[in-house]
Amino acid sequence: MIKRTLFFSNPVYLSTKNEQLVVSYPNKTIENKTIAIEDIGIVVVEHQQITITNGLMMKLLANSVAIIHCDERHLPIGLMWPVGHIEQTERYKAQLNCSVPLKENMWQQTISAKIKNQALMLHSKQIAYDNMLYWAKNVNSGDTENHESRAAVYYWKEIFEKPFKRERFGEAPNNLLNYGYAILRAITARALVCSGLLPTLGIFHRNKYNAYCFSRWIYTKSL
């Protein structure tokens, strides 16, 4: 079953009753709304004047719901996730002991899948993509020839109508892409934690300032 993602961007009071998430509005003329907690996968809390009870957070986490908090710029700033999986210790050990050849092979599969997905997006917009399929087919173990970068340069140059350069702090729509990436990263991290894996320990990304290296690897496949 596909879980629901709830996004709250206005002042509300979030509580729980009868295994339901209850949404109460400051404007008493608006009727309260309820959503079954078992149907929820992600809760995004964006507004500064949202109140959420500890009882609700406990029930959300007990049902493997990830709670994403945003700052005053409306950007995700924190993530609460469930404790983990019943076989978490064994899965941590397997992840920590993963061999370098296996990591390089997984990275090869990841980059090939990513470039193919980018090619499909270009195809949907009737943009030439044969070079993308060539790069996807010729990705080697560990992507030592950096086909990911070649494909990315071409993809971002062609996907938008106006001249565009993908940069973390660049002009719009970079800010929108950053927001979307943050949400995808949080969703992926939730799935990893629920599977008993460490979202921090990546197979290629090794940035010591990035707490979601493995999450980035997973959601990269769909970008």
N, C-alpha and C. Protein backbone atom coordinates (compact mmCIF):
# COMPACT_ATOMS: atom_id res chain seq x y z
N MET A 1 0.84 -1.20 0.00
CA MET A 1 0.00 0.00 0.00
C MET A 1 0.87 1.25 0.00
N ILE A 2 0.56 2.20 -0.85
CA ILE A 2 1.28 3.46 -0.91
C ILE A 2 0.83 4.35 0.24
N LYS A 3 1.78 4.79 1.06
CA LYS A 3 1.46 5.63 2.19
C LYS A 3 1.26 7.08 1.77
N ARG A 4 0.47 7.81 2.55
CA ARG A 4 0.17 9.21 2.24
C ARG A 4 1.26 10.13 2.77
N THR A 5 1.51 11.22 2.04
CA THR A 5 2.38 12.29 2.51
C THR A 5 1.52 13.49 2.85
N LEU A 6 1.60 13.95 4.09
CA LEU A 6 0.81 15.10 4.55
C LEU A 6 1.71 16.32 4.66
N PHE A 7 1.26 17.43 4.09
CA PHE A 7 2.04 18.66 4.07
C PHE A 7 1.23 19.76 4.75
N PHE A 8 1.79 20.33 5.81
CA PHE A 8 1.10 21.38 6.56
C PHE A 8 1.88 22.68 6.44
N SER A 9 1.27 23.69 5.81
CA SER A 9 1.94 24.97 5.57
C SER A 9 1.20 26.14 6.20
N ASN A 10 0.18 25.87 7.01
CA ASN A 10 -0.58 26.91 7.70
C ASN A 10 -0.69 26.55 9.18
N PRO A 11 -0.98 27.55 10.05
CA PRO A 11 -1.11 27.26 11.48
C PRO A 11 -2.21 26.23 11.75
N VAL A 12 -1.83 25.13 12.39
CA VAL A 12 -2.79 24.09 12.78
C VAL A 12 -2.33 23.47 14.09
N TYR A 13 -3.23 22.74 14.73
CA TYR A 13 -2.92 21.98 15.94
C TYR A 13 -3.10 20.52 15.60
N LEU A 14 -2.00 19.76 15.71
CA LEU A 14 -2.02 18.35 15.33
C LEU A 14 -1.99 17.49 16.58
N SER A 15 -2.98 16.63 16.70
CA SER A 15 -3.08 15.75 17.86
C SER A 15 -3.56 14.38 17.40
N THR A 16 -3.90 13.52 18.34
CA THR A 16 -4.35 12.19 17.97
C THR A 16 -5.52 11.74 18.84
N LYS A 17 -6.39 10.95 18.22
CA LYS A 17 -7.53 10.37 18.93
C LYS A 17 -7.99 9.14 18.15
N ASN A 18 -8.17 8.03 18.84
CA ASN A 18 -8.67 6.80 18.21
C ASN A 18 -7.81 6.38 17.02
N GLU A 19 -6.48 6.42 17.21
CA GLU A 19 -5.53 6.03 16.16
C GLU A 19 -5.66 6.87 14.89
N GLN A 20 -6.14 8.09 15.05
CA GLN A 20 -6.27 9.03 13.94
C GLN A 20 -5.42 10.26 14.20
N LEU A 21 -4.88 10.85 13.14
CA LEU A 21 -4.26 12.17 13.25
C LEU A 21 -5.38 13.19 13.13
N VAL A 22 -5.47 14.07 14.11
CA VAL A 22 -6.54 15.07 14.13
C VAL A 22 -5.96 16.44 13.81
N VAL A 23 -6.51 17.10 12.81
CA VAL A 23 -6.07 18.44 12.40
C VAL A 23 -7.11 19.45 12.87
N SER A 24 -6.69 20.33 13.79
CA SER A 24 -7.58 21.38 14.30
C SER A 24 -7.10 22.74 13.81
N TYR A 25 -8.02 23.58 13.38
CA TYR A 25 -7.67 24.89 12.80
C TYR A 25 -7.98 26.02 13.77
N PRO A 26 -7.14 27.08 13.78
CA PRO A 26 -7.40 28.24 14.64
C PRO A 26 -8.77 28.87 14.33
N ASN A 27 -9.11 28.85 13.05
CA ASN A 27 -10.41 29.35 12.63
C ASN A 27 -11.47 28.28 12.94
N LYS A 28 -12.24 28.53 13.97
CA LYS A 28 -13.18 27.53 14.46
C LYS A 28 -14.29 27.21 13.46
N THR A 29 -14.40 28.03 12.41
CA THR A 29 -15.45 27.77 11.41
C THR A 29 -15.06 26.62 10.49
N ILE A 30 -13.76 26.23 10.52
CA ILE A 30 -13.30 25.12 9.70
C ILE A 30 -13.37 23.84 10.53
N GLU A 31 -14.04 22.86 10.02
CA GLU A 31 -14.23 21.61 10.76
C GLU A 31 -12.92 20.83 10.85
N ASN A 32 -12.70 20.21 12.01
CA ASN A 32 -11.51 19.37 12.19
C ASN A 32 -11.48 18.24 11.16
N LYS A 33 -10.26 17.83 10.81
CA LYS A 33 -10.10 16.72 9.87
C LYS A 33 -9.33 15.60 10.54
N THR A 34 -9.60 14.38 10.13
CA THR A 34 -8.90 13.22 10.69
C THR A 34 -8.36 12.34 9.57
N ILE A 35 -7.19 11.76 9.82
CA ILE A 35 -6.56 10.84 8.86
C ILE A 35 -6.05 9.63 9.66
N ALA A 36 -6.31 8.44 9.16
CA ALA A 36 -5.83 7.24 9.84
C ALA A 36 -4.30 7.21 9.85
N ILE A 37 -3.71 7.06 11.02
CA ILE A 37 -2.25 7.08 11.14
C ILE A 37 -1.61 5.94 10.35
N GLU A 38 -2.28 4.80 10.27
CA GLU A 38 -1.72 3.66 9.55
C GLU A 38 -1.60 3.90 8.05
N ASP A 39 -2.27 4.95 7.54
CA ASP A 39 -2.21 5.28 6.12
C ASP A 39 -1.13 6.31 5.79
N ILE A 40 -0.43 6.82 6.81
CA ILE A 40 0.51 7.92 6.63
C ILE A 40 1.95 7.40 6.53
N GLY A 41 2.71 7.98 5.62
CA GLY A 41 4.12 7.64 5.49
C GLY A 41 5.04 8.79 5.86
N ILE A 42 4.64 10.02 5.47
CA ILE A 42 5.46 11.21 5.70
C ILE A 42 4.57 12.35 6.20
N VAL A 43 5.05 13.10 7.18
CA VAL A 43 4.39 14.33 7.63
C VAL A 43 5.40 15.47 7.51
N VAL A 44 5.07 16.48 6.70
CA VAL A 44 5.94 17.64 6.51
C VAL A 44 5.34 18.81 7.28
N VAL A 45 6.09 19.35 8.25
CA VAL A 45 5.64 20.47 9.08
C VAL A 45 6.41 21.71 8.65
N GLU A 46 5.75 22.62 7.93
CA GLU A 46 6.46 23.74 7.34
C GLU A 46 6.26 25.05 8.08
N HIS A 47 5.07 25.31 8.63
CA HIS A 47 4.77 26.61 9.24
C HIS A 47 5.31 26.69 10.67
N GLN A 48 5.76 27.91 11.06
CA GLN A 48 6.34 28.11 12.39
C GLN A 48 5.31 28.04 13.51
N GLN A 49 4.03 28.20 13.18
CA GLN A 49 2.98 28.21 14.21
C GLN A 49 2.15 26.92 14.19
N ILE A 50 2.80 25.82 13.91
CA ILE A 50 2.15 24.52 13.98
C ILE A 50 2.51 23.87 15.31
N THR A 51 1.51 23.36 16.00
CA THR A 51 1.73 22.64 17.25
C THR A 51 1.41 21.16 17.03
N ILE A 52 2.32 20.30 17.48
CA ILE A 52 2.12 18.86 17.34
C ILE A 52 2.36 18.21 18.70
N THR A 53 1.43 17.41 19.16
CA THR A 53 1.54 16.81 20.49
C THR A 53 2.53 15.65 20.50
N ASN A 54 3.11 15.43 21.69
CA ASN A 54 4.05 14.32 21.83
C ASN A 54 3.34 12.98 21.64
N GLY A 55 2.08 12.92 22.06
CA GLY A 55 1.32 11.69 21.86
C GLY A 55 1.18 11.33 20.39
N LEU A 56 0.97 12.35 19.56
CA LEU A 56 0.86 12.11 18.13
C LEU A 56 2.20 11.68 17.56
N MET A 57 3.28 12.35 17.96
CA MET A 57 4.60 11.98 17.44
C MET A 57 4.95 10.54 17.81
N MET A 58 4.60 10.12 19.02
CA MET A 58 4.87 8.75 19.44
C MET A 58 4.13 7.75 18.55
N LYS A 59 2.87 8.04 18.25
CA LYS A 59 2.09 7.13 17.41
C LYS A 59 2.59 7.13 15.97
N LEU A 60 2.99 8.30 15.48
CA LEU A 60 3.51 8.37 14.11
C LEU A 60 4.79 7.54 13.98
N LEU A 61 5.72 7.71 14.93
CA LEU A 61 6.98 6.98 14.88
C LEU A 61 6.76 5.49 15.08
N ALA A 62 5.81 5.13 15.93
CA ALA A 62 5.51 3.71 16.16
C ALA A 62 4.96 3.06 14.90
N ASN A 63 4.39 3.87 14.00
CA ASN A 63 3.85 3.36 12.74
C ASN A 63 4.78 3.66 11.57
N SER A 64 6.07 3.88 11.87
CA SER A 64 7.11 4.10 10.85
C SER A 64 6.84 5.31 9.97
N VAL A 65 6.31 6.37 10.57
CA VAL A 65 6.07 7.62 9.85
C VAL A 65 7.25 8.56 10.07
N ALA A 66 7.78 9.14 9.01
CA ALA A 66 8.86 10.12 9.12
C ALA A 66 8.26 11.51 9.26
N ILE A 67 8.82 12.31 10.17
CA ILE A 67 8.33 13.67 10.40
C ILE A 67 9.42 14.65 9.98
N ILE A 68 9.13 15.48 8.99
CA ILE A 68 10.09 16.44 8.44
C ILE A 68 9.74 17.84 8.93
N HIS A 69 10.71 18.52 9.53
CA HIS A 69 10.51 19.89 10.01
C HIS A 69 11.23 20.87 9.08
N CYS A 70 10.58 21.99 8.78
CA CYS A 70 11.15 23.01 7.90
C CYS A 70 11.46 24.27 8.69
N ASP A 71 12.42 25.06 8.17
CA ASP A 71 12.79 26.30 8.85
C ASP A 71 12.01 27.48 8.30
N GLU A 72 12.43 28.70 8.69
CA GLU A 72 11.70 29.90 8.27
C GLU A 72 11.79 30.16 6.78
N ARG A 73 12.73 29.51 6.11
CA ARG A 73 12.85 29.64 4.65
C ARG A 73 12.07 28.55 3.93
N HIS A 74 11.33 27.77 4.71
CA HIS A 74 10.50 26.68 4.17
C HIS A 74 11.34 25.51 3.63
N LEU A 75 12.58 25.40 4.11
CA LEU A 75 13.45 24.32 3.68
C LEU A 75 13.54 23.26 4.78
N PRO A 76 13.52 21.98 4.42
CA PRO A 76 13.65 20.91 5.42
C PRO A 76 14.92 21.08 6.24
N ILE A 77 14.78 21.05 7.55
CA ILE A 77 15.93 21.28 8.44
C ILE A 77 16.18 20.12 9.38
N GLY A 78 15.18 19.25 9.55
CA GLY A 78 15.35 18.12 10.45
C GLY A 78 14.39 16.99 10.12
N LEU A 79 14.77 15.79 10.54
CA LEU A 79 13.97 14.61 10.24
C LEU A 79 13.91 13.71 11.46
N MET A 80 12.69 13.32 11.84
CA MET A 80 12.50 12.32 12.89
C MET A 80 12.06 11.03 12.21
N TRP A 81 12.72 9.93 12.56
CA TRP A 81 12.37 8.66 11.93
C TRP A 81 12.22 7.56 12.98
N PRO A 82 11.62 6.45 12.60
CA PRO A 82 11.41 5.34 13.55
C PRO A 82 12.73 4.77 14.05
N VAL A 83 12.66 3.99 15.12
CA VAL A 83 13.86 3.41 15.74
C VAL A 83 14.61 2.50 14.79
N GLY A 84 13.91 1.64 14.07
CA GLY A 84 14.62 0.77 13.14
C GLY A 84 13.93 -0.54 12.88
N HIS A 85 14.72 -1.56 12.61
CA HIS A 85 14.24 -2.86 12.17
C HIS A 85 14.63 -3.92 13.19
N ILE A 86 13.88 -5.02 13.26
CA ILE A 86 14.14 -6.07 14.23
C ILE A 86 15.50 -6.72 14.01
N GLU A 87 16.02 -6.74 12.77
CA GLU A 87 17.33 -7.31 12.46
C GLU A 87 18.37 -6.22 12.20
N GLN A 88 18.18 -5.09 12.84
CA GLN A 88 19.02 -3.92 12.56
C GLN A 88 20.50 -4.20 12.79
N THR A 89 20.86 -4.87 13.87
CA THR A 89 22.28 -5.13 14.17
C THR A 89 22.96 -5.94 13.07
N GLU A 90 22.31 -7.01 12.62
CA GLU A 90 22.88 -7.85 11.57
C GLU A 90 22.99 -7.10 10.25
N ARG A 91 22.01 -6.27 9.97
CA ARG A 91 22.03 -5.53 8.71
C ARG A 91 23.08 -4.42 8.74
N TYR A 92 23.29 -3.82 9.91
CA TYR A 92 24.37 -2.86 10.05
C TYR A 92 25.72 -3.52 9.76
N LYS A 93 25.91 -4.73 10.33
CA LYS A 93 27.17 -5.44 10.13
C LYS A 93 27.40 -5.75 8.64
N ALA A 94 26.35 -6.21 7.97
CA ALA A 94 26.47 -6.53 6.55
C ALA A 94 26.80 -5.29 5.73
N GLN A 95 26.17 -4.18 6.10
CA GLN A 95 26.41 -2.93 5.38
C GLN A 95 27.83 -2.43 5.61
N LEU A 96 28.30 -2.52 6.87
CA LEU A 96 29.65 -2.07 7.19
C LEU A 96 30.72 -2.94 6.54
N ASN A 97 30.42 -4.21 6.34
CA ASN A 97 31.39 -5.14 5.77
C ASN A 97 31.27 -5.30 4.25
N CYS A 98 30.47 -4.47 3.64
CA CYS A 98 30.29 -4.54 2.19
C CYS A 98 31.64 -4.30 1.49
N SER A 99 32.00 -5.17 0.56
CA SER A 99 33.30 -5.09 -0.11
C SER A 99 33.36 -3.94 -1.12
N VAL A 100 34.56 -3.48 -1.41
CA VAL A 100 34.76 -2.41 -2.38
C VAL A 100 34.27 -2.82 -3.77
N PRO A 101 34.59 -4.03 -4.27
CA PRO A 101 34.09 -4.42 -5.60
C PRO A 101 32.56 -4.40 -5.67
N LEU A 102 31.88 -4.83 -4.60
CA LEU A 102 30.43 -4.81 -4.59
C LEU A 102 29.90 -3.38 -4.63
N LYS A 103 30.54 -2.48 -3.87
CA LYS A 103 30.13 -1.08 -3.87
C LYS A 103 30.30 -0.46 -5.26
N GLU A 104 31.41 -0.79 -5.90
CA GLU A 104 31.66 -0.23 -7.23
C GLU A 104 30.66 -0.76 -8.25
N ASN A 105 30.28 -2.03 -8.10
CA ASN A 105 29.28 -2.61 -8.98
C ASN A 105 27.92 -1.97 -8.77
N MET A 106 27.57 -1.71 -7.51
CA MET A 106 26.29 -1.06 -7.21
C MET A 106 26.27 0.37 -7.74
N TRP A 107 27.43 1.03 -7.65
CA TRP A 107 27.51 2.40 -8.16
C TRP A 107 27.34 2.41 -9.68
N GLN A 108 27.93 1.41 -10.35
CA GLN A 108 27.77 1.28 -11.79
C GLN A 108 26.28 1.13 -12.15
N GLN A 109 25.57 0.27 -11.45
CA GLN A 109 24.14 0.07 -11.71
C GLN A 109 23.34 1.34 -11.44
N THR A 110 23.72 2.03 -10.38
CA THR A 110 23.02 3.26 -10.00
C THR A 110 23.14 4.32 -11.09
N ILE A 111 24.37 4.58 -11.52
CA ILE A 111 24.60 5.63 -12.52
C ILE A 111 23.95 5.28 -13.85
N SER A 112 24.02 4.00 -14.24
CA SER A 112 23.38 3.58 -15.48
C SER A 112 21.87 3.82 -15.40
N ALA A 113 21.26 3.45 -14.27
CA ALA A 113 19.82 3.66 -14.10
C ALA A 113 19.47 5.13 -14.08
N LYS A 114 20.31 5.93 -13.43
CA LYS A 114 20.06 7.37 -13.36
C LYS A 114 20.07 7.99 -14.76
N ILE A 115 21.07 7.67 -15.55
CA ILE A 115 21.18 8.25 -16.89
C ILE A 115 20.03 7.80 -17.77
N LYS A 116 19.61 6.53 -17.64
CA LYS A 116 18.46 6.04 -18.41
C LYS A 116 17.19 6.81 -18.05
N ASN A 117 17.01 7.09 -16.77
CA ASN A 117 15.83 7.85 -16.35
C ASN A 117 15.88 9.28 -16.88
N GLN A 118 17.08 9.86 -16.89
CA GLN A 118 17.22 11.19 -17.46
C GLN A 118 16.91 11.17 -18.95
N ALA A 119 17.33 10.10 -19.63
CA ALA A 119 17.05 9.96 -21.06
C ALA A 119 15.54 9.87 -21.31
N LEU A 120 14.84 9.14 -20.44
CA LEU A 120 13.38 9.04 -20.58
C LEU A 120 12.71 10.39 -20.40
N MET A 121 13.22 11.19 -19.49
CA MET A 121 12.66 12.53 -19.29
C MET A 121 12.89 13.40 -20.52
N LEU A 122 14.09 13.33 -21.11
CA LEU A 122 14.36 14.09 -22.32
C LEU A 122 13.48 13.61 -23.47
N HIS A 123 13.30 12.30 -23.56
CA HIS A 123 12.44 11.72 -24.60
C HIS A 123 11.02 12.24 -24.47
N SER A 124 10.51 12.37 -23.23
CA SER A 124 9.15 12.85 -23.02
C SER A 124 8.97 14.29 -23.47
N LYS A 125 10.07 15.03 -23.52
CA LYS A 125 10.04 16.42 -23.97
C LYS A 125 10.53 16.57 -25.41
N GLN A 126 10.68 15.42 -26.10
CA GLN A 126 11.11 15.39 -27.49
C GLN A 126 12.47 16.07 -27.68
N ILE A 127 13.38 15.77 -26.76
CA ILE A 127 14.75 16.28 -26.82
C ILE A 127 15.68 15.11 -27.13
N ALA A 128 16.67 15.33 -27.98
CA ALA A 128 17.60 14.28 -28.37
C ALA A 128 18.24 13.63 -27.14
N TYR A 129 18.28 12.30 -27.14
CA TYR A 129 18.77 11.59 -25.95
C TYR A 129 19.62 10.36 -26.30
N ASP A 130 19.94 10.14 -27.56
CA ASP A 130 20.73 8.96 -27.95
C ASP A 130 22.09 8.93 -27.24
N ASN A 131 22.69 10.11 -27.06
CA ASN A 131 23.98 10.16 -26.37
C ASN A 131 23.85 9.69 -24.92
N MET A 132 22.68 9.96 -24.31
CA MET A 132 22.45 9.53 -22.93
C MET A 132 22.40 8.01 -22.85
N LEU A 133 21.73 7.38 -23.80
CA LEU A 133 21.64 5.92 -23.81
C LEU A 133 23.02 5.30 -24.02
N TYR A 134 23.84 5.95 -24.83
CA TYR A 134 25.21 5.48 -25.05
C TYR A 134 26.00 5.53 -23.75
N TRP A 135 25.91 6.66 -23.04
CA TRP A 135 26.62 6.80 -21.78
C TRP A 135 26.12 5.79 -20.75
N ALA A 136 24.80 5.60 -20.70
CA ALA A 136 24.22 4.65 -19.74
C ALA A 136 24.73 3.24 -19.98
N LYS A 137 24.86 2.88 -21.25
CA LYS A 137 25.30 1.53 -21.62
C LYS A 137 26.78 1.31 -21.31
N ASN A 138 27.57 2.38 -21.33
CA ASN A 138 29.01 2.24 -21.20
C ASN A 138 29.56 2.64 -19.83
N VAL A 139 28.69 2.77 -18.85
CA VAL A 139 29.17 3.02 -17.49
C VAL A 139 29.94 1.79 -16.99
N ASN A 140 31.16 1.99 -16.52
CA ASN A 140 31.94 0.85 -16.02
C ASN A 140 31.88 0.80 -14.50
N SER A 141 32.49 -0.21 -13.93
CA SER A 141 32.47 -0.39 -12.48
C SER A 141 33.07 0.82 -11.78
N GLY A 142 32.29 1.40 -10.87
CA GLY A 142 32.75 2.59 -10.17
C GLY A 142 32.63 3.87 -10.96
N ASP A 143 32.16 3.78 -12.21
CA ASP A 143 32.04 4.94 -13.11
C ASP A 143 33.34 5.76 -13.14
N THR A 144 34.45 5.07 -13.37
CA THR A 144 35.75 5.74 -13.37
C THR A 144 35.91 6.73 -14.53
N GLU A 145 35.10 6.57 -15.58
CA GLU A 145 35.17 7.50 -16.71
C GLU A 145 34.19 8.67 -16.55
N ASN A 146 33.50 8.71 -15.41
CA ASN A 146 32.65 9.84 -15.03
C ASN A 146 31.53 10.11 -16.03
N HIS A 147 30.83 9.07 -16.43
CA HIS A 147 29.70 9.24 -17.33
C HIS A 147 28.55 10.00 -16.64
N GLU A 148 28.47 9.87 -15.32
CA GLU A 148 27.43 10.59 -14.59
C GLU A 148 27.53 12.09 -14.82
N SER A 149 28.74 12.62 -14.74
CA SER A 149 28.96 14.05 -14.92
C SER A 149 28.65 14.48 -16.35
N ARG A 150 29.09 13.70 -17.33
CA ARG A 150 28.81 14.04 -18.74
C ARG A 150 27.31 14.12 -18.98
N ALA A 151 26.60 13.11 -18.46
CA ALA A 151 25.16 13.07 -18.67
C ALA A 151 24.48 14.23 -17.96
N ALA A 152 24.94 14.56 -16.75
CA ALA A 152 24.33 15.63 -15.98
C ALA A 152 24.48 16.97 -16.68
N VAL A 153 25.66 17.24 -17.21
CA VAL A 153 25.89 18.51 -17.92
C VAL A 153 24.92 18.64 -19.09
N TYR A 154 24.78 17.57 -19.86
CA TYR A 154 23.88 17.61 -21.01
C TYR A 154 22.43 17.71 -20.57
N TYR A 155 22.07 16.93 -19.58
CA TYR A 155 20.68 16.88 -19.11
C TYR A 155 20.21 18.24 -18.62
N TRP A 156 20.96 18.86 -17.72
CA TRP A 156 20.52 20.14 -17.17
C TRP A 156 20.55 21.26 -18.21
N LYS A 157 21.42 21.13 -19.17
CA LYS A 157 21.47 22.14 -20.23
C LYS A 157 20.23 22.08 -21.11
N GLU A 158 19.69 20.87 -21.30
CA GLU A 158 18.59 20.67 -22.25
C GLU A 158 17.20 20.64 -21.61
N ILE A 159 17.10 20.29 -20.35
CA ILE A 159 15.79 20.00 -19.76
C ILE A 159 14.93 21.24 -19.56
N PHE A 160 15.55 22.40 -19.32
CA PHE A 160 14.80 23.63 -19.12
C PHE A 160 14.85 24.49 -20.38
N GLU A 161 13.80 25.26 -20.59
CA GLU A 161 13.70 26.07 -21.81
C GLU A 161 14.71 27.20 -21.82
N LYS A 162 14.97 27.80 -20.65
CA LYS A 162 15.94 28.89 -20.61
C LYS A 162 17.32 28.34 -20.24
N PRO A 163 18.39 29.09 -20.52
CA PRO A 163 19.73 28.65 -20.12
C PRO A 163 19.76 28.40 -18.62
N PHE A 164 20.27 27.24 -18.22
CA PHE A 164 20.21 26.86 -16.81
C PHE A 164 21.47 26.11 -16.42
N LYS A 165 21.95 26.38 -15.20
CA LYS A 165 23.09 25.66 -14.64
C LYS A 165 22.70 25.15 -13.27
N ARG A 166 22.86 23.85 -13.06
CA ARG A 166 22.48 23.25 -11.79
C ARG A 166 23.54 23.57 -10.74
N GLU A 167 23.16 24.38 -9.76
CA GLU A 167 24.04 24.75 -8.67
C GLU A 167 23.23 24.75 -7.37
N ARG A 168 23.87 24.37 -6.29
CA ARG A 168 23.16 24.30 -5.02
C ARG A 168 22.57 25.64 -4.61
N PHE A 169 23.33 26.71 -4.78
CA PHE A 169 22.87 28.03 -4.38
C PHE A 169 22.58 28.92 -5.59
N GLY A 170 22.32 28.30 -6.74
CA GLY A 170 22.06 29.07 -7.95
C GLY A 170 20.66 29.65 -7.98
N GLU A 171 20.39 30.38 -9.05
CA GLU A 171 19.09 31.02 -9.19
C GLU A 171 18.02 29.99 -9.49
N ALA A 172 16.76 30.43 -9.38
CA ALA A 172 15.62 29.54 -9.63
C ALA A 172 15.74 28.94 -11.04
N PRO A 173 15.31 27.67 -11.21
CA PRO A 173 14.59 26.83 -10.24
C PRO A 173 15.48 25.97 -9.35
N ASN A 174 16.73 26.35 -9.12
CA ASN A 174 17.60 25.56 -8.25
C ASN A 174 16.99 25.41 -6.85
N ASN A 175 16.36 26.47 -6.35
CA ASN A 175 15.77 26.39 -5.02
C ASN A 175 14.65 25.36 -4.96
N LEU A 176 13.87 25.27 -6.02
CA LEU A 176 12.78 24.30 -6.07
C LEU A 176 13.32 22.88 -6.16
N LEU A 177 14.37 22.70 -6.93
CA LEU A 177 15.00 21.39 -7.04
C LEU A 177 15.60 20.97 -5.69
N ASN A 178 16.21 21.92 -4.98
CA ASN A 178 16.78 21.62 -3.67
C ASN A 178 15.70 21.15 -2.70
N TYR A 179 14.56 21.80 -2.75
CA TYR A 179 13.46 21.43 -1.86
C TYR A 179 12.97 20.02 -2.19
N GLY A 180 12.79 19.77 -3.47
CA GLY A 180 12.34 18.45 -3.88
C GLY A 180 13.33 17.36 -3.49
N TYR A 181 14.62 17.64 -3.65
CA TYR A 181 15.65 16.68 -3.26
C TYR A 181 15.59 16.40 -1.76
N ALA A 182 15.38 17.45 -0.96
CA ALA A 182 15.33 17.27 0.49
C ALA A 182 14.18 16.36 0.90
N ILE A 183 13.04 16.53 0.25
CA ILE A 183 11.89 15.68 0.56
C ILE A 183 12.17 14.24 0.14
N LEU A 184 12.71 14.06 -1.07
CA LEU A 184 13.04 12.71 -1.54
C LEU A 184 14.07 12.04 -0.63
N ARG A 185 15.04 12.83 -0.19
CA ARG A 185 16.07 12.28 0.70
C ARG A 185 15.46 11.81 2.01
N ALA A 186 14.53 12.59 2.55
CA ALA A 186 13.88 12.21 3.81
C ALA A 186 13.05 10.95 3.64
N ILE A 187 12.32 10.86 2.54
CA ILE A 187 11.50 9.68 2.27
C ILE A 187 12.40 8.44 2.15
N THR A 188 13.52 8.62 1.46
CA THR A 188 14.45 7.50 1.27
C THR A 188 15.09 7.08 2.59
N ALA A 189 15.47 8.08 3.39
CA ALA A 189 16.07 7.77 4.69
C ALA A 189 15.09 6.99 5.56
N ARG A 190 13.83 7.35 5.52
CA ARG A 190 12.81 6.63 6.29
C ARG A 190 12.76 5.17 5.86
N ALA A 191 12.75 4.95 4.54
CA ALA A 191 12.66 3.59 4.02
C ALA A 191 13.89 2.77 4.43
N LEU A 192 15.07 3.40 4.43
CA LEU A 192 16.29 2.70 4.81
C LEU A 192 16.28 2.32 6.28
N VAL A 193 15.87 3.27 7.13
CA VAL A 193 15.83 3.00 8.56
C VAL A 193 14.85 1.88 8.87
N CYS A 194 13.69 1.90 8.21
CA CYS A 194 12.69 0.86 8.42
C CYS A 194 13.19 -0.51 7.92
N SER A 195 14.18 -0.49 7.04
CA SER A 195 14.76 -1.74 6.52
C SER A 195 15.96 -2.20 7.33
N GLY A 196 16.30 -1.44 8.37
CA GLY A 196 17.43 -1.81 9.21
C GLY A 196 18.77 -1.41 8.67
N LEU A 197 18.81 -0.36 7.84
CA LEU A 197 20.07 0.10 7.24
C LEU A 197 20.44 1.50 7.72
N LEU A 198 21.71 1.83 7.61
CA LEU A 198 22.20 3.15 7.99
C LEU A 198 22.13 4.11 6.80
N PRO A 199 21.33 5.16 6.86
CA PRO A 199 21.27 6.11 5.75
C PRO A 199 22.54 6.94 5.62
N THR A 200 23.38 6.90 6.65
CA THR A 200 24.61 7.69 6.64
C THR A 200 25.72 7.05 5.82
N LEU A 201 25.81 5.73 5.84
CA LEU A 201 26.94 5.01 5.25
C LEU A 201 26.69 4.73 3.77
N GLY A 202 27.28 5.54 2.90
CA GLY A 202 27.05 5.40 1.47
C GLY A 202 27.97 4.38 0.81
N ILE A 203 27.74 4.15 -0.47
CA ILE A 203 28.61 3.23 -1.22
C ILE A 203 29.61 4.00 -2.08
N PHE A 204 29.36 5.27 -2.29
CA PHE A 204 30.27 6.09 -3.09
C PHE A 204 30.46 7.46 -2.43
N HIS A 205 29.34 8.11 -2.04
CA HIS A 205 29.42 9.42 -1.39
C HIS A 205 30.07 9.27 -0.02
N ARG A 206 31.08 10.09 0.24
CA ARG A 206 31.82 9.99 1.49
C ARG A 206 31.98 11.34 2.19
N ASN A 207 31.11 12.28 1.89
CA ASN A 207 31.20 13.61 2.50
C ASN A 207 30.97 13.52 4.01
N LYS A 208 31.96 13.91 4.79
CA LYS A 208 31.83 13.80 6.25
C LYS A 208 30.78 14.76 6.81
N TYR A 209 30.34 15.72 6.00
CA TYR A 209 29.32 16.66 6.46
C TYR A 209 27.91 16.25 6.01
N ASN A 210 27.81 15.13 5.33
CA ASN A 210 26.52 14.66 4.83
C ASN A 210 26.07 13.44 5.64
N ALA A 211 24.96 13.60 6.36
CA ALA A 211 24.46 12.51 7.21
C ALA A 211 23.58 11.53 6.44
N TYR A 212 23.42 11.75 5.13
CA TYR A 212 22.51 10.92 4.34
C TYR A 212 23.17 10.41 3.06
N CYS A 213 24.41 10.00 3.16
CA CYS A 213 25.14 9.56 1.95
C CYS A 213 24.46 8.38 1.27
N PHE A 214 23.98 7.41 2.05
CA PHE A 214 23.33 6.24 1.47
C PHE A 214 21.97 6.62 0.88
N SER A 215 21.26 7.52 1.56
CA SER A 215 19.97 7.99 1.05
C SER A 215 20.15 8.64 -0.31
N ARG A 216 21.23 9.41 -0.44
CA ARG A 216 21.49 10.08 -1.71
C ARG A 216 21.71 9.07 -2.82
N TRP A 217 22.40 7.97 -2.49
CA TRP A 217 22.62 6.94 -3.50
C TRP A 217 21.31 6.36 -3.98
N ILE A 218 20.39 6.06 -3.05
CA ILE A 218 19.14 5.44 -3.41
C ILE A 218 18.27 6.35 -4.28
N TYR A 219 18.04 7.60 -3.85
CA TYR A 219 17.13 8.43 -4.61
C TYR A 219 17.76 8.98 -5.88
N THR A 220 19.10 8.90 -5.97
CA THR A 220 19.77 9.29 -7.20
C THR A 220 19.27 8.49 -8.39
N LYS A 221 18.85 7.25 -8.15
CA LYS A 221 18.40 6.39 -9.24
C LYS A 221 17.23 6.98 -10.01
N SER A 222 16.42 7.81 -9.32
CA SER A 222 15.21 8.31 -9.97
C SER A 222 15.39 9.73 -10.51
N LEU A 223 16.57 10.32 -10.36
CA LEU A 223 16.77 11.70 -10.78
C LEU A 223 17.25 11.78 -12.23
